[in-house]
Amino acid sequence: MEVIYIVLPIAILMAGGFLAAFLWSAHRGQFDDLDTPRHRAMFDDDSK
């Protein structure tokens, strides 16, 4: 039972870290355009 006093705060800190990373990346526009990257390979420009 004593291990819960160690594991629970660590789990809460990790969850908060992941939430902060998600909010930071969403704020920076990481998830704005989800369609273009998969189509970019089809329209590769090799006309040099």
C-alpha atoms as a PDB file:
ATOM      1  CA  MET A   1       0.000   0.000   0.000  1.00  0.00           C
ATOM      2  CA  GLU A   2       2.930   2.351   0.593  1.00  0.00           C
ATOM      3  CA  VAL A   3       3.931   2.179  -3.064  1.00  0.00           C
ATOM      4  CA  ILE A   4       0.807   4.139  -4.027  1.00  0.00           C
ATOM      5  CA  TYR A   5       2.291   7.209  -2.306  1.00  0.00           C
ATOM      6  CA  ILE A   6       5.155   7.063  -4.796  1.00  0.00           C
ATOM      7  CA  VAL A   7       3.411   5.843  -7.938  1.00  0.00           C
ATOM      8  CA  LEU A   8       0.353   8.129  -7.812  1.00  0.00           C
ATOM      9  CA  PRO A   9       2.269  11.439  -7.802  1.00  0.00           C
ATOM     10  CA  ILE A  10       4.562  10.148 -10.541  1.00  0.00           C
ATOM     11  CA  ALA A  11       1.540   9.149 -12.644  1.00  0.00           C
ATOM     12  CA  ILE A  12      -0.101  12.540 -12.089  1.00  0.00           C
ATOM     13  CA  LEU A  13       3.108  14.355 -13.070  1.00  0.00           C
ATOM     14  CA  MET A  14       3.471  12.224 -16.201  1.00  0.00           C
ATOM     15  CA  ALA A  15      -0.157  12.832 -17.196  1.00  0.00           C
ATOM     16  CA  GLY A  16       0.310  16.558 -16.652  1.00  0.00           C
ATOM     17  CA  GLY A  17       3.470  16.485 -18.758  1.00  0.00           C
ATOM     18  CA  PHE A  18       1.730  14.722 -21.609  1.00  0.00           C
ATOM     19  CA  LEU A  19      -1.203  17.136 -21.409  1.00  0.00           C
ATOM     20  CA  ALA A  20       1.171  20.111 -21.452  1.00  0.00           C
ATOM     21  CA  ALA A  21       3.036  18.669 -24.463  1.00  0.00           C
ATOM     22  CA  PHE A  22      -0.244  18.122 -26.312  1.00  0.00           C
ATOM     23  CA  LEU A  23      -1.514  21.617 -25.581  1.00  0.00           C
ATOM     24  CA  TRP A  24       1.832  23.135 -26.572  1.00  0.00           C
ATOM     25  CA  SER A  25       1.891  21.269 -29.897  1.00  0.00           C
ATOM     26  CA  ALA A  26      -1.754  22.096 -30.616  1.00  0.00           C
ATOM     27  CA  HIS A  27      -1.081  25.761 -29.891  1.00  0.00           C
ATOM     28  CA  ARG A  28       1.948  25.757 -32.220  1.00  0.00           C
ATOM     29  CA  GLY A  29      -0.172  24.404 -35.120  1.00  0.00           C
ATOM     30  CA  GLN A  30       1.147  20.854 -35.222  1.00  0.00           C
ATOM     31  CA  PHE A  31      -2.303  19.395 -35.939  1.00  0.00           C
ATOM     32  CA  ASP A  32      -3.627  22.068 -38.326  1.00  0.00           C
ATOM     33  CA  ASP A  33      -3.092  20.336 -41.673  1.00  0.00           C
ATOM     34  CA  LEU A  34      -3.454  16.560 -41.589  1.00  0.00           C
ATOM     35  CA  ASP A  35      -4.176  15.973 -45.312  1.00  0.00           C
ATOM     36  CA  THR A  36      -1.304  17.662 -47.170  1.00  0.00           C
ATOM     37  CA  PRO A  37       1.637  15.565 -45.899  1.00  0.00           C
ATOM     38  CA  ARG A  38       0.185  12.291 -47.207  1.00  0.00           C
ATOM     39  CA  HIS A  39      -0.412  13.797 -50.676  1.00  0.00           C
ATOM     40  CA  ARG A  40       2.927  15.597 -50.869  1.00  0.00           C
ATOM     41  CA  ALA A  41       4.795  12.469 -52.008  1.00  0.00           C
ATOM     42  CA  MET A  42       2.541  12.091 -55.081  1.00  0.00           C
ATOM     43  CA  PHE A  43       3.322  15.587 -56.325  1.00  0.00           C
ATOM     44  CA  ASP A  44       7.082  15.529 -55.831  1.00  0.00           C
ATOM     45  CA  ASP A  45       8.773  18.083 -58.039  1.00  0.00           C
ATOM     46  CA  ASP A  46      11.776  16.574 -59.939  1.00  0.00           C
ATOM     47  CA  SER A  47      11.907  19.048 -62.843  1.00  0.00           C
ATOM     48  CA  LYS A  48      15.459  20.329 -62.291  1.00  0.00           C
END
